[in-house]
């Protein structure tokens, strides 16, 4: 199945998620790990769409999400920065999800600069993460 860029943008506007988790991890510099993730979830009957996304972007995994749901996930920072972010900069989202993408990108760029390894940077990343995916005006 061959996907077109405009279709992917619309599909992700409706079904995608840009998320940043911050988890306790005692072995990390500040005791926390920042985990950015791009995800698209579908019912297993449409798993071919997720595999087509994986093929299009050339990265990520397709796995069971919950029950009869499957997910396409990209978690590797390099893949997010080299494949996912450039795509959505070139093909901008149209919904409020664009705001989440912009914050997601800011977090990735902060991580590239090493900001997640400082208390101030981690606090800024936490604030951005808390503002994402709330379904409210931002």
C-alpha atoms as a PDB file:
ATOM      1  CA  UNK A   1       0.000   0.000   0.000  1.00  0.00           C
ATOM      2  CA  UNK A   2       1.456   3.336  -1.049  1.00  0.00           C
ATOM      3  CA  UNK A   3       0.571   6.347   1.090  1.00  0.00           C
ATOM      4  CA  UNK A   4       0.617   9.976   0.032  1.00  0.00           C
ATOM      5  CA  UNK A   5       1.928  12.765   2.260  1.00  0.00           C
ATOM      6  CA  UNK A   6      -1.357  14.700   2.355  1.00  0.00           C
ATOM      7  CA  UNK A   7      -3.255  11.563   3.384  1.00  0.00           C
ATOM      8  CA  UNK A   8      -0.735  10.865   6.177  1.00  0.00           C
ATOM      9  CA  UNK A   9      -1.080  14.419   7.502  1.00  0.00           C
ATOM     10  CA  UNK A  10      -4.878  14.140   7.632  1.00  0.00           C
ATOM     11  CA  UNK A  11      -4.757  10.655   9.128  1.00  0.00           C
ATOM     12  CA  UNK A  12      -2.348  11.717  11.871  1.00  0.00           C
ATOM     13  CA  UNK A  13      -4.444  14.841  12.523  1.00  0.00           C
ATOM     14  CA  UNK A  14      -7.303  12.495  13.407  1.00  0.00           C
ATOM     15  CA  UNK A  15      -5.588   9.386  14.763  1.00  0.00           C
ATOM     16  CA  UNK A  16      -2.036  10.304  15.792  1.00  0.00           C
ATOM     17  CA  UNK A  17      -0.490  11.381  19.066  1.00  0.00           C
ATOM     18  CA  UNK A  18       2.698  13.206  19.996  1.00  0.00           C
ATOM     19  CA  UNK A  19       3.494  12.395  23.605  1.00  0.00           C
ATOM     20  CA  UNK A  20       6.288  13.033  26.088  1.00  0.00           C
ATOM     21  CA  UNK A  21       6.452  10.841  29.192  1.00  0.00           C
ATOM     22  CA  UNK A  22       8.720  11.594  32.123  1.00  0.00           C
ATOM     23  CA  UNK A  23       9.470   8.544  34.255  1.00  0.00           C
ATOM     24  CA  UNK A  24      11.424   8.008  37.441  1.00  0.00           C
ATOM     25  CA  UNK A  25      14.693   6.327  36.607  1.00  0.00           C
ATOM     26  CA  UNK A  26      17.235   6.310  39.446  1.00  0.00           C
ATOM     27  CA  UNK A  27      20.176   5.624  37.119  1.00  0.00           C
ATOM     28  CA  UNK A  28      19.618   8.793  35.090  1.00  0.00           C
ATOM     29  CA  UNK A  29      21.490  12.035  35.893  1.00  0.00           C
ATOM     30  CA  UNK A  30      18.506  13.727  37.574  1.00  0.00           C
ATOM     31  CA  UNK A  31      16.637  10.538  38.471  1.00  0.00           C
ATOM     32  CA  UNK A  32      14.178  10.931  35.577  1.00  0.00           C
ATOM     33  CA  UNK A  33      14.020   9.779  31.973  1.00  0.00           C
ATOM     34  CA  UNK A  34      12.328  11.797  29.198  1.00  0.00           C
ATOM     35  CA  UNK A  35      10.548   9.537  26.706  1.00  0.00           C
ATOM     36  CA  UNK A  36       9.164  11.216  23.548  1.00  0.00           C
ATOM     37  CA  UNK A  37       6.867   9.093  21.384  1.00  0.00           C
ATOM     38  CA  UNK A  38       4.880   9.420  18.159  1.00  0.00           C
ATOM     39  CA  UNK A  39       1.976   6.952  18.012  1.00  0.00           C
ATOM     40  CA  UNK A  40      -0.911   6.063  15.717  1.00  0.00           C
ATOM     41  CA  UNK A  41      -3.454   3.520  17.008  1.00  0.00           C
ATOM     42  CA  UNK A  42      -5.940   1.550  14.912  1.00  0.00           C
ATOM     43  CA  UNK A  43      -8.222  -1.457  15.277  1.00  0.00           C
ATOM     44  CA  UNK A  44      -6.397  -4.620  14.198  1.00  0.00           C
ATOM     45  CA  UNK A  45      -8.600  -4.867  11.084  1.00  0.00           C
ATOM     46  CA  UNK A  46      -6.722  -1.800   9.748  1.00  0.00           C
ATOM     47  CA  UNK A  47      -3.226  -2.877  10.790  1.00  0.00           C
ATOM     48  CA  UNK A  48      -2.103  -2.630   7.149  1.00  0.00           C
ATOM     49  CA  UNK A  49      -2.319   1.177   7.480  1.00  0.00           C
ATOM     50  CA  UNK A  50       0.113   1.079  10.394  1.00  0.00           C
ATOM     51  CA  UNK A  51       2.517  -1.130   8.473  1.00  0.00           C
ATOM     52  CA  UNK A  52       2.257   1.280   5.533  1.00  0.00           C
ATOM     53  CA  UNK A  53       3.180   4.171   7.850  1.00  0.00           C
ATOM     54  CA  UNK A  54       6.165   2.205   9.116  1.00  0.00           C
ATOM     55  CA  UNK A  55       7.261   1.542   5.546  1.00  0.00           C
ATOM     56  CA  UNK A  56       6.741   5.178   4.525  1.00  0.00           C
ATOM     57  CA  UNK A  57       8.791   6.598   7.407  1.00  0.00           C
ATOM     58  CA  UNK A  58      11.332   3.774   7.424  1.00  0.00           C
ATOM     59  CA  UNK A  59      11.361   3.505  11.203  1.00  0.00           C
ATOM     60  CA  UNK A  60       9.303   2.533  14.225  1.00  0.00           C
ATOM     61  CA  UNK A  61       7.416  -0.615  15.171  1.00  0.00           C
ATOM     62  CA  UNK A  62       3.882  -1.977  14.860  1.00  0.00           C
ATOM     63  CA  UNK A  63       2.729  -3.792  17.993  1.00  0.00           C
ATOM     64  CA  UNK A  64      -0.396  -4.739  19.903  1.00  0.00           C
ATOM     65  CA  UNK A  65      -1.621  -1.772  21.920  1.00  0.00           C
ATOM     66  CA  UNK A  66      -4.569  -2.985  24.020  1.00  0.00           C
ATOM     67  CA  UNK A  67      -6.949  -5.823  23.171  1.00  0.00           C
ATOM     68  CA  UNK A  68      -7.904  -5.522  19.522  1.00  0.00           C
ATOM     69  CA  UNK A  69      -5.939  -2.288  19.005  1.00  0.00           C
ATOM     70  CA  UNK A  70      -2.597  -2.051  17.240  1.00  0.00           C
ATOM     71  CA  UNK A  71      -0.126   0.838  17.405  1.00  0.00           C
ATOM     72  CA  UNK A  72       2.574   2.257  15.170  1.00  0.00           C
ATOM     73  CA  UNK A  73       5.179   3.780  17.502  1.00  0.00           C
ATOM     74  CA  UNK A  74       8.371   5.727  16.963  1.00  0.00           C
ATOM     75  CA  UNK A  75      10.428   6.249  20.119  1.00  0.00           C
ATOM     76  CA  UNK A  76      14.053   6.523  18.999  1.00  0.00           C
ATOM     77  CA  UNK A  77      15.049  10.164  19.254  1.00  0.00           C
ATOM     78  CA  UNK A  78      17.163   9.959  16.090  1.00  0.00           C
ATOM     79  CA  UNK A  79      14.224   8.575  14.112  1.00  0.00           C
ATOM     80  CA  UNK A  80      11.876  11.204  15.507  1.00  0.00           C
ATOM     81  CA  UNK A  81      14.318  13.967  14.560  1.00  0.00           C
ATOM     82  CA  UNK A  82      15.344  12.568  11.176  1.00  0.00           C
ATOM     83  CA  UNK A  83      12.019  11.200   9.869  1.00  0.00           C
ATOM     84  CA  UNK A  84       8.920  12.278  11.815  1.00  0.00           C
ATOM     85  CA  UNK A  85       9.694  15.932  12.616  1.00  0.00           C
ATOM     86  CA  UNK A  86      10.920  16.860   9.109  1.00  0.00           C
ATOM     87  CA  UNK A  87       7.820  15.258   7.569  1.00  0.00           C
ATOM     88  CA  UNK A  88       5.416  17.315   9.697  1.00  0.00           C
ATOM     89  CA  UNK A  89       7.443  20.484   9.163  1.00  0.00           C
ATOM     90  CA  UNK A  90       7.102  19.965   5.415  1.00  0.00           C
ATOM     91  CA  UNK A  91       3.466  18.773   5.644  1.00  0.00           C
ATOM     92  CA  UNK A  92       1.952  20.727   8.567  1.00  0.00           C
ATOM     93  CA  UNK A  93      -0.921  19.357  10.599  1.00  0.00           C
ATOM     94  CA  UNK A  94      -4.158  21.336  10.290  1.00  0.00           C
ATOM     95  CA  UNK A  95      -5.834  20.635  13.638  1.00  0.00           C
ATOM     96  CA  UNK A  96      -4.936  21.731  17.170  1.00  0.00           C
ATOM     97  CA  UNK A  97      -2.609  18.727  17.132  1.00  0.00           C
ATOM     98  CA  UNK A  98      -0.155  21.098  15.433  1.00  0.00           C
ATOM     99  CA  UNK A  99       0.334  22.788  18.817  1.00  0.00           C
ATOM    100  CA  UNK A 100       1.222  19.427  20.392  1.00  0.00           C
ATOM    101  CA  UNK A 101       3.613  18.702  17.527  1.00  0.00           C
ATOM    102  CA  UNK A 102       5.332  22.069  18.032  1.00  0.00           C
ATOM    103  CA  UNK A 103       5.812  21.342  21.754  1.00  0.00           C
ATOM    104  CA  UNK A 104       6.965  17.807  20.960  1.00  0.00           C
ATOM    105  CA  UNK A 105       9.558  19.196  18.556  1.00  0.00           C
ATOM    106  CA  UNK A 106      10.717  21.731  21.153  1.00  0.00           C
ATOM    107  CA  UNK A 107      11.238  18.906  23.656  1.00  0.00           C
ATOM    108  CA  UNK A 108      13.253  16.896  21.124  1.00  0.00           C
ATOM    109  CA  UNK A 109      15.430  19.908  20.319  1.00  0.00           C
ATOM    110  CA  UNK A 110      15.940  20.578  24.037  1.00  0.00           C
ATOM    111  CA  UNK A 111      16.996  16.965  24.495  1.00  0.00           C
ATOM    112  CA  UNK A 112      19.440  17.263  21.591  1.00  0.00           C
ATOM    113  CA  UNK A 113      20.955  20.275  23.369  1.00  0.00           C
ATOM    114  CA  UNK A 114      21.226  18.248  26.592  1.00  0.00           C
ATOM    115  CA  UNK A 115      18.666  20.367  28.447  1.00  0.00           C
ATOM    116  CA  UNK A 116      16.938  17.274  29.839  1.00  0.00           C
ATOM    117  CA  UNK A 117      20.093  16.686  31.883  1.00  0.00           C
ATOM    118  CA  UNK A 118      19.680  19.932  33.860  1.00  0.00           C
ATOM    119  CA  UNK A 119      17.102  20.626  36.560  1.00  0.00           C
ATOM    120  CA  UNK A 120      15.873  23.769  34.790  1.00  0.00           C
ATOM    121  CA  UNK A 121      15.654  22.026  31.426  1.00  0.00           C
ATOM    122  CA  UNK A 122      13.803  19.058  32.895  1.00  0.00           C
ATOM    123  CA  UNK A 123      11.345  21.449  34.555  1.00  0.00           C
ATOM    124  CA  UNK A 124      10.734  23.203  31.205  1.00  0.00           C
ATOM    125  CA  UNK A 125      10.236  19.852  29.461  1.00  0.00           C
ATOM    126  CA  UNK A 126       7.808  18.733  32.193  1.00  0.00           C
ATOM    127  CA  UNK A 127       5.799  21.936  31.705  1.00  0.00           C
ATOM    128  CA  UNK A 128       5.607  21.409  27.925  1.00  0.00           C
ATOM    129  CA  UNK A 129       4.627  17.748  28.388  1.00  0.00           C
ATOM    130  CA  UNK A 130       1.838  18.701  30.813  1.00  0.00           C
ATOM    131  CA  UNK A 131       0.401  21.158  28.272  1.00  0.00           C
ATOM    132  CA  UNK A 132       0.190  18.534  25.522  1.00  0.00           C
ATOM    133  CA  UNK A 133      -2.843  16.377  24.583  1.00  0.00           C
ATOM    134  CA  UNK A 134      -5.297  18.148  26.854  1.00  0.00           C
ATOM    135  CA  UNK A 135      -7.996  18.829  24.282  1.00  0.00           C
ATOM    136  CA  UNK A 136      -8.216  22.452  25.342  1.00  0.00           C
ATOM    137  CA  UNK A 137      -7.361  25.756  23.720  1.00  0.00           C
ATOM    138  CA  UNK A 138      -3.694  26.537  24.114  1.00  0.00           C
END
